[in-house]
Amino acid sequence: MTAGAVQETLAALDLVDHHCHGAVTDELDRAGFESLLTEGEAWPGVSPFDTPVGLAVRRHCAPLLDLPRHAPVDAYLARRAELGAAEVNRRFLRAAGTGVFCVDTGHAPHRATSPGELAGAAGAVAYEVVRLEGVAEAVAAGGVEPDAYAEAFRTAAWEAVGRPGVVGVKSVAAYRTGFDLDPARPSPGRVTEAARRWLARGGRLEDPVLVRHLLWTAVDLGRPLQLHTGFGDSDIRLHRVDPARLTDWLHLTAGTIPVLLLHCWPYQRQAAYLSAVFERVYFDVGLTLHHVGPARAGANPGGGAGDHPLPQTPVQLRRLRPGRVPPPGGTGLPPGPGRAAPGTAGRRRDVPAGRAAPRALGGTRQRPPGLPAPRRPGRRRLSGVGPVTVPERRPGSRNG
């Protein structure tokens, strides 16, 4: 089979996006759109459109809106407004070549599609990933005594993962405490005392004992656990979110649940090491690829390429974004089995939106653990997962 035939065969396969958020349904002005192109805050005189991801939007997304490549920013935003968010989302999602979406419903700074709505727009299948901090905070907001907190949270977590369409859970412990945590399961007495402090103080869940309790509850639930690691907004303390700091906890939980390390940069080598020495640990670098640009994208997953089993790298194309990430999601990726053929070194091909990811990540078309197989077009059913209520975010935090 020639390199071109391999590329065409791989490009025809559906992706499984194992971690994403809904597509924004608000009609965004320029400031609102730009805020979703970056993990940072606005700087006077500087536009996120001048970053690698901003350039990629104009290069790869503009043609899907019937505009020329690198259309002026004002023309691009005007065309988005003319078409409306629903049509823009539909065009981009269907161009992404993704058959299955696993949607984290716990992050909602803007109105966004539910898993079922995302599936409908994409002509695909969508499942839900439950964010456990949101479950804990809903329990606290509903009123609970400190000595009843542990059981109330456990009950609520089991109810959440029992909803139709739920395939996993997620924690943003990285935003709340970092990973400098005692790896042992906390005793009931310590959980009660920590709950007493938190319930008296209020606010988001940030107590280290309760975060440990949450992580161990995730183990008890038996579902795949996604963990934000590394790259994030300014609410992250980057030196505290190195996934290698989870090593002792991973030893204690080895053989129980799949653990999926999200984002990882600049710790992709540490994440690759963990996926090599722990059978049920996986990692991805999908989010970062949008921001580092084509020149550095090859070095990002490549930093761990020799250290981990190729099937341990699931695909992630997007996070909560204004209907634009699928196209650049596939274009900043390095050459893979379908593109690095003899005599093609240094040559760049334009590939369909979102379809380069499996090739770049070692041909990883496999589904995340426990995920049902996607149905082909014409035989799919929507998951029927509806929107969820999420506690209000803490001001100043974009993601946690």
Protein backbone atom coordinates (compact mmCIF):
# COMPACT_ATOMS: atom_id res chain seq x y z
CA MET A 1 0.00 0.00 0.00
CA THR A 2 1.41 3.40 -0.95
CA ALA A 3 1.83 6.24 1.52
CA GLY A 4 -1.02 8.10 -0.17
CA ALA A 5 -3.33 5.11 0.16
CA VAL A 6 -2.44 4.73 3.84
CA GLN A 7 -3.17 8.39 4.39
CA GLU A 8 -6.52 8.17 2.65
CA THR A 9 -7.51 5.06 4.59
CA LEU A 10 -6.63 6.60 7.93
CA ALA A 11 -8.32 9.88 7.04
CA ALA A 12 -11.56 8.03 6.32
CA LEU A 13 -11.81 6.60 9.84
CA ASP A 14 -13.79 8.30 12.58
CA LEU A 15 -11.99 9.73 15.59
CA VAL A 16 -12.98 9.23 19.22
CA ASP A 17 -12.50 12.53 21.05
CA HIS A 18 -12.06 11.28 24.60
CA HIS A 19 -12.15 14.73 26.26
CA CYS A 20 -13.99 17.83 25.14
CA HIS A 21 -16.59 20.35 26.25
CA GLY A 22 -19.71 21.59 24.52
CA ALA A 23 -19.56 24.06 21.65
CA VAL A 24 -20.42 27.63 22.64
CA THR A 25 -23.93 28.63 21.60
CA ASP A 26 -23.64 32.34 22.46
CA GLU A 27 -23.19 34.88 19.68
CA LEU A 28 -19.75 36.20 20.61
CA ASP A 29 -18.33 39.66 20.01
CA ARG A 30 -14.63 40.07 19.26
CA ALA A 31 -13.60 40.28 22.91
CA GLY A 32 -15.63 37.20 23.79
CA PHE A 33 -14.21 35.24 20.87
CA GLU A 34 -10.63 36.24 21.63
CA SER A 35 -11.03 35.22 25.27
CA LEU A 36 -11.63 31.66 24.08
CA LEU A 37 -8.49 31.57 21.95
CA THR A 38 -6.21 31.74 24.98
CA GLU A 39 -5.76 30.50 28.53
CA GLY A 40 -4.58 33.98 29.52
CA GLU A 41 -6.25 37.32 30.10
CA ALA A 42 -6.55 40.23 27.68
CA TRP A 43 -3.49 42.45 27.24
CA PRO A 44 -3.83 45.98 25.81
CA GLY A 45 -2.55 46.15 22.25
CA VAL A 46 -2.14 42.37 21.92
CA SER A 47 -4.61 40.09 20.13
CA PRO A 48 -4.83 36.29 20.43
CA PHE A 49 -5.40 36.33 16.67
CA ASP A 50 -1.65 37.00 16.41
CA THR A 51 -0.78 33.70 18.14
CA PRO A 52 -0.32 30.34 16.40
CA VAL A 53 -3.86 29.27 17.26
CA GLY A 54 -5.27 32.60 16.06
CA LEU A 55 -3.45 32.26 12.75
CA ALA A 56 -4.68 28.66 12.46
CA VAL A 57 -8.28 29.79 12.90
CA ARG A 58 -8.01 32.18 9.97
CA ARG A 59 -6.06 29.70 7.86
CA HIS A 60 -8.13 26.57 8.42
CA CYS A 61 -11.54 27.71 9.65
CA ALA A 62 -12.20 30.59 7.28
CA PRO A 63 -12.65 28.35 4.20
CA LEU A 64 -15.33 26.36 6.03
CA LEU A 65 -17.25 29.63 6.33
CA ASP A 66 -16.89 30.33 2.58
CA LEU A 67 -14.05 32.80 3.13
CA PRO A 68 -10.52 32.79 1.71
CA ARG A 69 -7.64 31.50 3.80
CA HIS A 70 -6.29 34.11 6.20
CA ALA A 71 -9.37 36.26 5.79
CA PRO A 72 -9.15 39.50 7.81
CA VAL A 73 -10.25 39.12 11.41
CA ASP A 74 -13.18 41.51 11.04
CA ALA A 75 -14.42 39.66 7.95
CA TYR A 76 -14.10 36.32 9.73
CA LEU A 77 -16.07 37.48 12.77
CA ALA A 78 -18.70 39.16 10.59
CA ARG A 79 -19.21 35.92 8.66
CA ARG A 80 -19.59 33.97 11.90
CA ALA A 81 -22.23 36.44 13.06
CA GLU A 82 -24.02 36.23 9.69
CA LEU A 83 -24.24 32.43 9.80
CA GLY A 84 -25.03 32.21 13.53
CA ALA A 85 -23.48 29.99 16.17
CA ALA A 86 -25.59 26.92 15.36
CA GLU A 87 -24.59 26.82 11.69
CA VAL A 88 -20.93 27.58 12.44
CA ASN A 89 -20.82 24.78 15.00
CA ARG A 90 -22.49 22.37 12.59
CA ARG A 91 -20.00 23.10 9.80
CA PHE A 92 -16.93 22.78 11.99
CA LEU A 93 -18.05 19.72 13.92
CA ARG A 94 -18.96 17.80 10.77
CA ALA A 95 -15.63 18.73 9.19
CA ALA A 96 -13.75 17.31 12.18
CA GLY A 97 -14.19 13.67 11.20
CA THR A 98 -15.10 12.70 14.77
CA GLY A 99 -17.55 9.88 15.39
CA VAL A 100 -17.64 9.89 19.20
CA PHE A 101 -17.36 12.73 21.72
CA CYS A 102 -16.81 12.26 25.47
CA VAL A 103 -18.05 15.53 26.93
CA ASP A 104 -16.97 16.99 30.28
CA THR A 105 -20.12 18.81 31.36
CA GLY A 106 -18.59 20.44 34.44
CA HIS A 107 -17.13 23.55 32.80
CA ALA A 108 -19.57 26.18 31.59
CA PRO A 109 -18.30 29.78 31.48
CA HIS A 110 -20.54 30.26 28.41
CA ARG A 111 -23.74 28.62 27.29
CA ALA A 112 -22.73 25.48 25.45
CA THR A 113 -24.25 22.44 23.81
CA SER A 114 -25.18 19.47 25.95
CA PRO A 115 -23.76 16.10 24.88
CA GLY A 116 -26.97 15.31 23.02
CA GLU A 117 -26.95 18.68 21.26
CA LEU A 118 -23.28 18.30 20.36
CA ALA A 119 -24.00 14.87 18.90
CA GLY A 120 -26.83 16.28 16.82
CA ALA A 121 -24.72 19.12 15.46
CA ALA A 122 -21.85 16.79 14.61
CA GLY A 123 -23.92 13.91 13.26
CA ALA A 124 -22.07 11.75 15.76
CA VAL A 125 -22.45 10.04 19.15
CA ALA A 126 -21.79 11.80 22.46
CA TYR A 127 -21.26 10.51 25.99
CA GLU A 128 -20.89 12.37 29.28
CA VAL A 129 -17.91 12.65 31.61
CA VAL A 130 -18.94 13.73 35.14
CA ARG A 131 -16.74 16.27 36.92
CA LEU A 132 -16.59 15.12 40.54
CA GLU A 133 -15.81 18.52 42.08
CA GLY A 134 -19.14 19.73 40.73
CA VAL A 135 -20.89 16.79 42.38
CA ALA A 136 -19.24 17.54 45.73
CA GLU A 137 -20.05 21.24 45.53
CA ALA A 138 -23.68 20.48 44.67
CA VAL A 139 -23.88 18.27 47.77
CA ALA A 140 -22.50 21.10 49.91
CA ALA A 141 -24.82 23.66 48.35
CA GLY A 142 -27.81 21.43 49.04
CA GLY A 143 -27.09 21.38 52.77
CA VAL A 144 -25.38 18.52 54.57
CA GLU A 145 -23.96 17.94 58.04
CA PRO A 146 -20.19 17.36 58.24
CA ASP A 147 -20.56 13.81 59.55
CA ALA A 148 -22.95 12.98 56.68
CA TYR A 149 -20.86 14.53 53.91
CA ALA A 150 -18.85 11.45 52.93
CA GLU A 151 -21.90 9.24 52.45
CA ALA A 152 -23.88 12.03 50.76
CA PHE A 153 -21.07 12.62 48.27
CA ARG A 154 -20.68 8.92 47.63
CA THR A 155 -24.42 8.55 46.97
CA ALA A 156 -24.50 11.58 44.66
CA ALA A 157 -21.45 10.36 42.75
CA TRP A 158 -22.99 6.93 42.18
CA GLU A 159 -26.21 8.56 41.01
CA ALA A 160 -24.27 10.78 38.60
CA VAL A 161 -22.37 7.94 36.96
CA GLY A 162 -25.59 5.94 36.75
CA ARG A 163 -27.17 8.46 34.38
CA PRO A 164 -27.67 7.26 30.79
CA GLY A 165 -24.69 8.07 28.60
CA VAL A 166 -22.09 8.54 31.36
CA VAL A 167 -18.81 6.76 30.56
CA GLY A 168 -16.31 8.29 32.99
CA VAL A 169 -15.44 10.88 35.62
CA LYS A 170 -12.99 13.77 35.81
CA SER A 171 -11.18 15.70 38.53
CA VAL A 172 -9.60 19.15 38.44
CA ALA A 173 -7.55 18.52 41.58
CA ALA A 174 -4.72 20.27 39.73
CA TYR A 175 -6.64 23.54 40.05
CA ARG A 176 -7.73 22.99 43.62
CA THR A 177 -4.66 21.68 45.47
CA GLY A 178 -2.10 20.46 42.97
CA PHE A 179 -0.67 16.97 43.37
CA ASP A 180 1.39 17.43 46.54
CA LEU A 181 -1.08 15.19 48.36
CA ASP A 182 -0.77 12.32 50.80
CA PRO A 183 -1.58 9.39 48.49
CA ALA A 184 -3.33 7.31 51.16
CA ARG A 185 -7.10 7.09 51.47
CA PRO A 186 -8.14 9.52 54.25
CA SER A 187 -9.86 8.11 57.34
CA PRO A 188 -13.58 8.80 57.93
CA GLY A 189 -12.71 11.00 60.90
CA ARG A 190 -10.37 13.18 58.86
CA VAL A 191 -12.98 13.50 56.10
CA THR A 192 -15.58 14.65 58.63
CA GLU A 193 -13.24 17.25 60.13
CA ALA A 194 -12.26 18.53 56.70
CA ALA A 195 -15.92 18.71 55.68
CA ARG A 196 -16.66 20.71 58.83
CA ARG A 197 -14.01 23.28 57.87
CA TRP A 198 -15.14 23.49 54.26
CA LEU A 199 -18.86 23.74 54.97
CA ALA A 200 -18.23 26.51 57.50
CA ARG A 201 -15.98 28.41 55.09
CA GLY A 202 -17.91 27.84 51.87
CA GLY A 203 -16.53 28.32 48.38
CA ARG A 204 -15.16 25.75 46.00
CA LEU A 205 -13.71 22.43 47.13
CA GLU A 206 -10.03 23.06 47.91
CA ASP A 207 -9.34 21.09 51.08
CA PRO A 208 -6.53 18.56 50.47
CA VAL A 209 -8.23 15.88 52.58
CA LEU A 210 -11.49 16.22 50.66
CA VAL A 211 -9.66 16.22 47.33
CA ARG A 212 -7.97 12.96 48.36
CA HIS A 213 -11.36 11.60 49.38
CA LEU A 214 -12.74 12.60 45.98
CA LEU A 215 -9.93 10.80 44.12
CA TRP A 216 -10.43 7.64 46.15
CA THR A 217 -14.18 7.84 45.56
CA ALA A 218 -13.37 7.89 41.85
CA VAL A 219 -11.51 4.61 42.33
CA ASP A 220 -14.53 3.14 44.12
CA LEU A 221 -16.82 4.17 41.25
CA GLY A 222 -14.87 1.93 38.90
CA ARG A 223 -15.11 4.33 35.94
CA PRO A 224 -12.20 5.73 33.91
CA LEU A 225 -10.83 8.85 35.63
CA GLN A 226 -9.59 11.85 33.67
CA LEU A 227 -7.13 14.12 35.51
CA HIS A 228 -6.16 17.59 34.37
CA THR A 229 -2.36 17.85 34.57
CA GLY A 230 0.11 20.50 33.44
CA PHE A 231 -1.02 23.28 31.10
CA GLY A 232 -3.88 25.53 32.18
CA ASP A 233 -4.82 29.10 32.98
CA SER A 234 -3.27 31.30 35.68
CA ASP A 235 -5.25 29.53 38.41
CA ILE A 236 -2.84 26.61 37.95
CA ARG A 237 0.40 26.51 39.93
CA LEU A 238 2.35 24.78 37.20
CA HIS A 239 5.12 23.40 39.40
CA ARG A 240 2.51 21.55 41.49
CA VAL A 241 0.73 19.77 38.65
CA ASP A 242 3.52 17.56 37.33
CA PRO A 243 1.82 14.15 36.93
CA ALA A 244 4.95 12.46 38.30
CA ARG A 245 3.77 13.71 41.71
CA LEU A 246 0.94 11.18 41.39
CA THR A 247 3.33 8.22 41.31
CA ASP A 248 2.70 7.03 44.87
CA TRP A 249 -1.07 7.30 44.41
CA LEU A 250 -0.82 5.38 41.13
CA HIS A 251 1.07 2.62 42.94
CA LEU A 252 -1.74 2.37 45.50
CA THR A 253 -4.46 2.32 42.84
CA ALA A 254 -2.66 0.13 40.29
CA GLY A 255 -4.93 -2.44 38.68
CA THR A 256 -8.17 -0.68 39.62
CA ILE A 257 -9.34 1.99 37.15
CA PRO A 258 -7.97 3.52 33.95
CA VAL A 259 -6.41 6.93 34.66
CA LEU A 260 -6.19 9.36 31.75
CA LEU A 261 -3.73 12.26 32.15
CA LEU A 262 -4.99 15.28 30.23
CA HIS A 263 -2.93 18.01 28.52
CA CYS A 264 0.35 17.26 30.37
CA TRP A 265 2.56 19.99 28.84
CA PRO A 266 5.34 20.72 29.80
CA TYR A 267 5.38 17.36 31.59
CA GLN A 268 4.64 15.10 28.62
CA ARG A 269 7.81 13.07 29.25
CA GLN A 270 6.75 12.37 32.83
CA ALA A 271 3.27 11.43 31.60
CA ALA A 272 4.78 9.13 28.98
CA TYR A 273 6.90 7.46 31.66
CA LEU A 274 3.85 6.88 33.86
CA SER A 275 1.94 5.35 30.95
CA ALA A 276 4.90 3.05 30.31
CA VAL A 277 5.23 1.73 33.86
CA PHE A 278 1.53 1.65 34.86
CA GLU A 279 -0.62 -0.55 32.66
CA ARG A 280 -3.83 1.45 33.05
CA VAL A 281 -2.40 4.98 32.73
CA TYR A 282 -2.94 6.93 29.51
CA PHE A 283 -1.95 10.46 28.49
CA ASP A 284 -2.68 13.04 25.81
CA VAL A 285 -1.30 16.38 24.69
CA GLY A 286 -4.23 17.50 22.56
CA LEU A 287 -5.02 20.84 24.15
CA THR A 288 -1.46 22.12 23.96
CA LEU A 289 -1.07 21.49 20.24
CA HIS A 290 -3.42 24.36 19.43
CA HIS A 291 -1.18 26.81 21.25
CA VAL A 292 2.39 25.80 20.42
CA GLY A 293 2.09 26.11 16.64
CA PRO A 294 3.10 23.73 13.83
CA ALA A 295 6.84 24.11 14.40
CA ARG A 296 6.63 22.92 18.01
CA ALA A 297 3.70 20.53 17.74
CA GLY A 298 5.96 17.73 16.54
CA ALA A 299 8.18 18.07 19.59
CA ASN A 300 5.28 18.00 22.03
CA PRO A 301 3.94 14.44 21.58
CA GLY A 302 7.36 13.42 20.33
CA GLY A 303 8.77 14.20 23.76
CA GLY A 304 7.23 10.99 25.00
CA ALA A 305 7.01 8.99 21.80
CA GLY A 306 9.87 6.68 22.66
CA ASP A 307 8.86 6.17 26.26
CA HIS A 308 5.32 4.85 26.17
CA PRO A 309 3.20 2.23 24.38
CA LEU A 310 1.51 3.84 21.37
CA PRO A 311 -1.99 2.61 22.32
CA GLN A 312 -1.65 4.53 25.60
CA THR A 313 -2.23 7.89 23.86
CA PRO A 314 -5.92 8.65 23.35
CA VAL A 315 -7.13 11.42 21.07
CA GLN A 316 -8.34 14.79 22.29
CA LEU A 317 -9.15 17.52 19.80
CA ARG A 318 -10.84 20.32 21.63
CA ARG A 319 -12.01 22.01 24.75
CA LEU A 320 -14.74 24.59 25.25
CA ARG A 321 -14.24 26.87 22.27
CA PRO A 322 -16.29 29.11 19.98
CA GLY A 323 -16.98 26.62 17.23
CA ARG A 324 -13.51 26.70 15.73
CA VAL A 325 -11.13 24.15 17.19
CA PRO A 326 -11.70 21.00 15.10
CA PRO A 327 -9.94 22.32 11.97
CA PRO A 328 -6.71 23.56 13.61
CA GLY A 329 -6.85 20.59 15.93
CA GLY A 330 -5.61 18.36 13.16
CA THR A 331 -3.19 20.71 11.49
CA GLY A 332 -0.62 21.38 14.18
CA LEU A 333 0.22 17.72 14.57
CA PRO A 334 3.47 16.10 13.51
CA PRO A 335 3.84 13.51 10.74
CA GLY A 336 2.61 10.02 11.57
CA PRO A 337 2.17 6.68 9.81
CA GLY A 338 0.08 8.19 7.02
CA ARG A 339 2.33 11.18 6.38
CA ALA A 340 5.97 10.34 7.08
CA ALA A 341 6.61 8.30 3.95
CA PRO A 342 10.04 8.03 2.32
CA GLY A 343 10.87 11.12 0.29
CA THR A 344 8.30 13.32 2.03
CA ALA A 345 10.46 14.74 4.82
CA GLY A 346 9.87 18.43 5.26
CA ARG A 347 6.85 18.42 2.96
CA ARG A 348 3.56 19.59 4.45
CA ARG A 349 0.14 18.43 3.34
CA ASP A 350 -3.19 19.95 4.22
CA VAL A 351 -5.34 17.27 5.81
CA PRO A 352 -9.04 17.21 6.67
CA ALA A 353 -9.90 18.88 9.96
CA GLY A 354 -9.25 16.77 13.00
CA ARG A 355 -8.20 13.65 11.10
CA ALA A 356 -4.45 13.92 11.59
CA ALA A 357 -4.59 13.27 15.31
CA PRO A 358 -4.61 9.46 15.27
CA ARG A 359 -1.85 9.38 12.67
CA ALA A 360 0.29 11.75 14.68
CA LEU A 361 -0.27 9.87 17.90
CA GLY A 362 0.87 6.50 16.71
CA GLY A 363 -2.29 5.48 14.88
CA THR A 364 -4.31 5.34 18.10
CA ARG A 365 -7.78 4.72 16.83
CA GLN A 366 -8.66 2.56 19.81
CA ARG A 367 -11.55 3.56 22.04
CA PRO A 368 -10.92 4.69 25.61
CA PRO A 369 -11.47 1.84 28.09
CA GLY A 370 -15.12 0.82 28.43
CA LEU A 371 -16.41 3.10 25.67
CA PRO A 372 -19.05 1.53 23.42
CA ALA A 373 -18.24 1.28 19.72
CA PRO A 374 -19.51 4.18 17.58
CA ARG A 375 -22.22 3.57 15.03
CA ARG A 376 -21.60 4.54 11.44
CA PRO A 377 -23.66 7.34 9.83
CA GLY A 378 -27.25 6.34 9.24
CA ARG A 379 -27.23 3.83 12.10
CA ARG A 380 -26.42 6.11 15.03
CA ARG A 381 -28.60 6.99 17.95
CA LEU A 382 -28.02 10.05 20.04
CA SER A 383 -27.05 9.35 23.59
CA GLY A 384 -30.00 11.24 25.02
CA VAL A 385 -27.80 12.92 27.58
CA GLY A 386 -29.23 16.26 28.63
CA PRO A 387 -27.70 19.37 30.15
CA VAL A 388 -26.57 19.33 33.76
CA THR A 389 -26.57 21.98 36.45
CA VAL A 390 -23.07 23.13 37.36
CA PRO A 391 -22.22 25.19 40.48
CA GLU A 392 -20.98 28.69 39.74
CA ARG A 393 -17.26 28.94 39.00
CA ARG A 394 -14.94 30.80 41.30
CA PRO A 395 -14.19 34.25 39.85
CA GLY A 396 -10.75 34.38 38.27
CA SER A 397 -10.65 30.70 37.31
CA ARG A 398 -11.33 29.85 33.69
CA ASN A 399 -11.25 26.08 34.03
CA GLY A 400 -11.19 24.88 37.64
